[in-house]
Amino acid sequence: MKFGGWAGILTTDVSPPLPDYIARLLWQFEPADIDLVQHRDLVLERVMLRGGWDAMRWLRRTYPPEVLAGFLERRGSRLPPRERAYWSIVAGVATEQVPGGGRPSWTAP
């Protein structure tokens, strides 16, 4: 399968090998079976939720802001407020403000 679009990114017939720090986030899958286009939402969600700094930098190098923005529009509600806010800034999209950052309040209602 030929990857298309994304300004020339991922235009080879085969996904490049996943770095170890990404493969660990997808522990239940064989790294060689992950297709960065076909499984894009899975990869994006795992890295956005659980990835460290290296994984976050890899995600930004691998997927352009338009792809990140599309994911946030489709599935951003699955992310905690802090992660959704960070990735919205990276992708250049607006996000709603959530009071308290999604943490429980310590005061009585």
N, C-alpha and C. Protein backbone atom coordinates (compact mmCIF):
# COMPACT_ATOMS: atom_id res chain seq x y z
N MET A 1 0.85 -1.18 0.00
CA MET A 1 0.00 0.00 0.00
C MET A 1 0.89 1.23 0.00
N LYS A 2 0.56 2.18 -0.80
CA LYS A 2 1.29 3.44 -0.88
C LYS A 2 0.66 4.43 0.09
N PHE A 3 1.46 5.07 0.92
CA PHE A 3 0.94 6.10 1.81
C PHE A 3 0.81 7.38 0.99
N GLY A 4 -0.24 8.13 1.23
CA GLY A 4 -0.41 9.35 0.45
C GLY A 4 -0.46 10.58 1.32
N GLY A 5 -0.35 11.73 0.68
CA GLY A 5 -0.50 13.00 1.36
C GLY A 5 0.59 13.29 2.36
N TRP A 6 0.22 14.06 3.34
CA TRP A 6 1.07 14.44 4.47
C TRP A 6 2.39 15.04 4.00
N ALA A 7 2.36 15.78 2.92
CA ALA A 7 3.53 16.52 2.43
C ALA A 7 4.76 15.64 2.27
N GLY A 8 4.54 14.45 1.72
CA GLY A 8 5.68 13.57 1.45
C GLY A 8 6.10 12.69 2.61
N ILE A 9 5.47 12.85 3.75
CA ILE A 9 5.80 12.02 4.91
C ILE A 9 5.11 10.68 4.74
N LEU A 10 5.78 9.61 5.10
CA LEU A 10 5.24 8.26 5.02
C LEU A 10 4.82 7.91 3.59
N THR A 11 5.70 8.10 2.65
CA THR A 11 5.37 7.81 1.26
C THR A 11 6.00 6.52 0.77
N THR A 12 6.47 5.69 1.65
CA THR A 12 7.05 4.42 1.24
C THR A 12 5.97 3.34 1.29
N ASP A 13 6.31 2.17 0.76
CA ASP A 13 5.36 1.06 0.75
C ASP A 13 5.23 0.39 2.11
N VAL A 14 6.20 0.58 2.97
CA VAL A 14 6.21 -0.10 4.27
C VAL A 14 6.47 0.93 5.36
N SER A 15 5.78 0.77 6.50
CA SER A 15 6.04 1.66 7.63
C SER A 15 7.47 1.45 8.13
N PRO A 16 8.13 2.53 8.52
CA PRO A 16 9.47 2.37 9.09
C PRO A 16 9.37 1.63 10.42
N PRO A 17 10.45 0.99 10.85
CA PRO A 17 10.41 0.28 12.14
C PRO A 17 10.10 1.25 13.28
N LEU A 18 9.34 0.78 14.25
CA LEU A 18 9.00 1.61 15.40
C LEU A 18 10.17 1.65 16.38
N PRO A 19 10.48 2.81 16.92
CA PRO A 19 11.49 2.87 17.99
C PRO A 19 11.00 2.06 19.20
N ASP A 20 11.92 1.58 19.99
CA ASP A 20 11.56 0.78 21.17
C ASP A 20 10.61 1.52 22.09
N TYR A 21 10.83 2.83 22.27
CA TYR A 21 9.98 3.59 23.20
C TYR A 21 8.55 3.74 22.67
N ILE A 22 8.32 3.52 21.39
CA ILE A 22 6.96 3.51 20.84
C ILE A 22 6.40 2.09 20.91
N ALA A 23 7.21 1.11 20.54
CA ALA A 23 6.77 -0.29 20.57
C ALA A 23 6.30 -0.69 21.97
N ARG A 24 6.97 -0.17 23.01
CA ARG A 24 6.56 -0.49 24.39
C ARG A 24 5.15 0.01 24.70
N LEU A 25 4.76 1.11 24.09
CA LEU A 25 3.41 1.65 24.32
C LEU A 25 2.34 0.79 23.64
N LEU A 26 2.75 0.02 22.66
CA LEU A 26 1.84 -0.84 21.90
C LEU A 26 2.17 -2.30 22.20
N TRP A 27 2.38 -2.61 23.47
CA TRP A 27 2.89 -3.88 23.93
C TRP A 27 2.10 -5.09 23.46
N GLN A 28 0.81 -4.94 23.21
CA GLN A 28 0.02 -6.12 22.86
C GLN A 28 0.07 -6.45 21.37
N PHE A 29 0.80 -5.64 20.59
CA PHE A 29 0.92 -5.86 19.16
C PHE A 29 2.37 -6.13 18.78
N GLU A 30 2.56 -6.86 17.70
CA GLU A 30 3.90 -7.03 17.13
C GLU A 30 4.27 -5.72 16.45
N PRO A 31 5.41 -5.13 16.78
CA PRO A 31 5.79 -3.86 16.15
C PRO A 31 5.78 -3.90 14.63
N ALA A 32 6.17 -5.00 14.04
CA ALA A 32 6.20 -5.12 12.57
C ALA A 32 4.80 -5.09 11.97
N ASP A 33 3.77 -5.38 12.77
CA ASP A 33 2.40 -5.40 12.27
C ASP A 33 1.74 -4.02 12.31
N ILE A 34 2.36 -3.05 12.95
CA ILE A 34 1.78 -1.71 13.06
C ILE A 34 2.05 -0.93 11.78
N ASP A 35 0.99 -0.51 11.15
CA ASP A 35 1.06 0.34 9.96
C ASP A 35 0.73 1.75 10.41
N LEU A 36 1.65 2.68 10.21
CA LEU A 36 1.49 4.03 10.75
C LEU A 36 0.34 4.81 10.13
N VAL A 37 -0.17 4.37 8.99
CA VAL A 37 -1.33 5.01 8.39
C VAL A 37 -2.60 4.28 8.82
N GLN A 38 -2.63 2.99 8.62
CA GLN A 38 -3.82 2.21 8.96
C GLN A 38 -4.15 2.25 10.45
N HIS A 39 -3.14 2.23 11.30
CA HIS A 39 -3.33 2.20 12.76
C HIS A 39 -3.03 3.56 13.39
N ARG A 40 -3.18 4.60 12.61
CA ARG A 40 -2.80 5.95 13.05
C ARG A 40 -3.50 6.35 14.35
N ASP A 41 -4.82 6.14 14.47
CA ASP A 41 -5.52 6.57 15.69
C ASP A 41 -5.02 5.82 16.92
N LEU A 42 -4.73 4.55 16.78
CA LEU A 42 -4.19 3.77 17.89
C LEU A 42 -2.84 4.35 18.32
N VAL A 43 -1.96 4.58 17.36
CA VAL A 43 -0.63 5.11 17.67
C VAL A 43 -0.74 6.50 18.30
N LEU A 44 -1.55 7.35 17.70
CA LEU A 44 -1.71 8.71 18.23
C LEU A 44 -2.23 8.69 19.66
N GLU A 45 -3.28 7.91 19.90
CA GLU A 45 -3.86 7.89 21.25
C GLU A 45 -2.87 7.37 22.28
N ARG A 46 -2.18 6.28 21.98
CA ARG A 46 -1.24 5.72 22.95
C ARG A 46 -0.11 6.69 23.28
N VAL A 47 0.44 7.31 22.25
CA VAL A 47 1.54 8.24 22.51
C VAL A 47 1.04 9.47 23.25
N MET A 48 -0.11 9.99 22.85
CA MET A 48 -0.65 11.17 23.52
C MET A 48 -0.99 10.89 24.98
N LEU A 49 -1.45 9.68 25.27
CA LEU A 49 -1.82 9.32 26.64
C LEU A 49 -0.63 8.91 27.50
N ARG A 50 0.27 8.12 26.95
CA ARG A 50 1.27 7.45 27.78
C ARG A 50 2.72 7.72 27.39
N GLY A 51 2.94 8.41 26.29
CA GLY A 51 4.30 8.58 25.80
C GLY A 51 5.11 9.57 26.60
N GLY A 52 6.39 9.28 26.73
CA GLY A 52 7.33 10.21 27.35
C GLY A 52 7.79 11.24 26.32
N TRP A 53 8.79 12.04 26.71
CA TRP A 53 9.26 13.12 25.84
C TRP A 53 9.76 12.61 24.49
N ASP A 54 10.54 11.52 24.49
CA ASP A 54 11.04 10.98 23.21
C ASP A 54 9.88 10.54 22.32
N ALA A 55 8.89 9.89 22.89
CA ALA A 55 7.73 9.44 22.12
C ALA A 55 6.93 10.63 21.59
N MET A 56 6.80 11.66 22.39
CA MET A 56 6.07 12.85 21.96
C MET A 56 6.80 13.53 20.81
N ARG A 57 8.12 13.62 20.87
CA ARG A 57 8.90 14.21 19.79
C ARG A 57 8.79 13.36 18.52
N TRP A 58 8.82 12.04 18.68
CA TRP A 58 8.67 11.14 17.53
C TRP A 58 7.32 11.36 16.86
N LEU A 59 6.27 11.48 17.67
CA LEU A 59 4.93 11.68 17.13
C LEU A 59 4.87 12.97 16.30
N ARG A 60 5.48 14.01 16.81
CA ARG A 60 5.48 15.30 16.10
C ARG A 60 6.29 15.24 14.81
N ARG A 61 7.34 14.43 14.79
CA ARG A 61 8.13 14.27 13.56
C ARG A 61 7.42 13.37 12.55
N THR A 62 6.64 12.42 13.04
CA THR A 62 6.02 11.41 12.18
C THR A 62 4.72 11.89 11.56
N TYR A 63 3.91 12.59 12.32
CA TYR A 63 2.60 13.05 11.83
C TYR A 63 2.55 14.57 11.81
N PRO A 64 2.10 15.15 10.72
CA PRO A 64 2.00 16.61 10.65
C PRO A 64 0.86 17.15 11.51
N PRO A 65 0.87 18.44 11.81
CA PRO A 65 -0.18 19.04 12.66
C PRO A 65 -1.60 18.77 12.16
N GLU A 66 -1.80 18.70 10.83
CA GLU A 66 -3.17 18.44 10.32
C GLU A 66 -3.69 17.08 10.77
N VAL A 67 -2.81 16.10 10.82
CA VAL A 67 -3.21 14.75 11.25
C VAL A 67 -3.51 14.76 12.75
N LEU A 68 -2.66 15.43 13.52
CA LEU A 68 -2.91 15.54 14.96
C LEU A 68 -4.24 16.26 15.21
N ALA A 69 -4.50 17.34 14.46
CA ALA A 69 -5.75 18.09 14.61
C ALA A 69 -6.95 17.22 14.27
N GLY A 70 -6.86 16.44 13.21
CA GLY A 70 -7.96 15.55 12.83
C GLY A 70 -8.25 14.53 13.92
N PHE A 71 -7.20 13.98 14.51
CA PHE A 71 -7.40 13.03 15.60
C PHE A 71 -8.09 13.71 16.78
N LEU A 72 -7.63 14.90 17.14
CA LEU A 72 -8.22 15.61 18.27
C LEU A 72 -9.70 15.91 18.04
N GLU A 73 -10.06 16.23 16.80
CA GLU A 73 -11.47 16.47 16.49
C GLU A 73 -12.30 15.20 16.60
N ARG A 74 -11.72 14.07 16.14
CA ARG A 74 -12.46 12.80 16.16
C ARG A 74 -12.47 12.14 17.53
N ARG A 75 -11.33 12.15 18.20
CA ARG A 75 -11.19 11.35 19.42
C ARG A 75 -10.57 12.08 20.59
N GLY A 76 -10.45 13.38 20.49
CA GLY A 76 -9.82 14.15 21.55
C GLY A 76 -10.52 14.03 22.90
N SER A 77 -11.82 13.74 22.88
CA SER A 77 -12.55 13.61 24.15
C SER A 77 -12.07 12.42 24.96
N ARG A 78 -11.32 11.52 24.35
CA ARG A 78 -10.79 10.35 25.08
C ARG A 78 -9.55 10.70 25.89
N LEU A 79 -8.98 11.87 25.64
CA LEU A 79 -7.77 12.29 26.35
C LEU A 79 -8.13 13.08 27.60
N PRO A 80 -7.33 12.95 28.65
CA PRO A 80 -7.52 13.80 29.83
C PRO A 80 -7.31 15.27 29.44
N PRO A 81 -7.89 16.20 30.19
CA PRO A 81 -7.79 17.62 29.83
C PRO A 81 -6.37 18.13 29.63
N ARG A 82 -5.44 17.72 30.47
CA ARG A 82 -4.06 18.20 30.34
C ARG A 82 -3.44 17.78 29.02
N GLU A 83 -3.59 16.50 28.66
CA GLU A 83 -3.03 16.00 27.40
C GLU A 83 -3.75 16.63 26.20
N ARG A 84 -5.06 16.75 26.30
CA ARG A 84 -5.83 17.37 25.20
C ARG A 84 -5.39 18.82 24.99
N ALA A 85 -5.15 19.55 26.07
CA ALA A 85 -4.71 20.94 25.95
C ALA A 85 -3.32 21.02 25.32
N TYR A 86 -2.40 20.18 25.75
CA TYR A 86 -1.05 20.20 25.19
C TYR A 86 -1.08 19.90 23.69
N TRP A 87 -1.74 18.80 23.31
CA TRP A 87 -1.74 18.40 21.91
C TRP A 87 -2.54 19.37 21.05
N SER A 88 -3.51 20.05 21.63
CA SER A 88 -4.23 21.08 20.88
C SER A 88 -3.31 22.24 20.53
N ILE A 89 -2.45 22.61 21.47
CA ILE A 89 -1.47 23.67 21.21
C ILE A 89 -0.50 23.22 20.11
N VAL A 90 -0.01 21.99 20.22
CA VAL A 90 0.92 21.46 19.22
C VAL A 90 0.28 21.44 17.83
N ALA A 91 -1.01 21.03 17.78
CA ALA A 91 -1.71 20.91 16.49
C ALA A 91 -2.27 22.24 16.01
N GLY A 92 -2.27 23.25 16.87
CA GLY A 92 -2.79 24.55 16.47
C GLY A 92 -4.29 24.62 16.37
N VAL A 93 -4.97 23.87 17.26
CA VAL A 93 -6.43 23.91 17.27
C VAL A 93 -6.93 24.40 18.62
N ALA A 94 -8.11 24.99 18.62
CA ALA A 94 -8.72 25.47 19.86
C ALA A 94 -9.25 24.28 20.66
N THR A 95 -9.23 24.43 21.96
CA THR A 95 -9.80 23.40 22.83
C THR A 95 -10.60 24.10 23.92
N GLU A 96 -11.61 23.42 24.41
CA GLU A 96 -12.41 24.02 25.48
C GLU A 96 -11.64 23.97 26.79
N GLN A 97 -11.85 24.96 27.60
CA GLN A 97 -11.21 25.01 28.92
C GLN A 97 -12.02 24.17 29.89
N VAL A 98 -11.33 23.30 30.62
CA VAL A 98 -11.99 22.46 31.62
C VAL A 98 -11.53 22.93 32.98
N PRO A 99 -12.45 23.43 33.84
CA PRO A 99 -12.04 23.90 35.16
C PRO A 99 -11.35 22.80 35.96
N GLY A 100 -10.28 23.17 36.63
CA GLY A 100 -9.60 22.23 37.53
C GLY A 100 -8.68 21.26 36.83
N GLY A 101 -8.55 21.34 35.55
CA GLY A 101 -7.63 20.45 34.84
C GLY A 101 -8.04 19.00 34.91
N GLY A 102 -9.31 18.72 35.23
CA GLY A 102 -9.77 17.34 35.26
C GLY A 102 -9.48 16.62 36.56
N ARG A 103 -8.93 17.33 37.53
CA ARG A 103 -8.63 16.70 38.83
C ARG A 103 -9.81 16.86 39.77
N PRO A 104 -9.99 15.93 40.69
CA PRO A 104 -11.12 16.05 41.62
C PRO A 104 -10.94 17.24 42.55
N SER A 105 -12.02 17.86 42.89
CA SER A 105 -11.99 18.99 43.80
C SER A 105 -11.85 18.50 45.24
N TRP A 106 -11.07 19.21 46.04
CA TRP A 106 -10.91 18.84 47.45
C TRP A 106 -11.88 19.59 48.34
N THR A 107 -12.66 20.47 47.77
CA THR A 107 -13.65 21.20 48.57
C THR A 107 -15.02 20.58 48.39
N ALA A 108 -15.81 20.70 49.38
CA ALA A 108 -17.17 20.16 49.29
C ALA A 108 -18.00 20.99 48.33
N PRO A 109 -18.90 20.38 47.57
CA PRO A 109 -19.72 21.14 46.63
C PRO A 109 -20.66 22.10 47.31
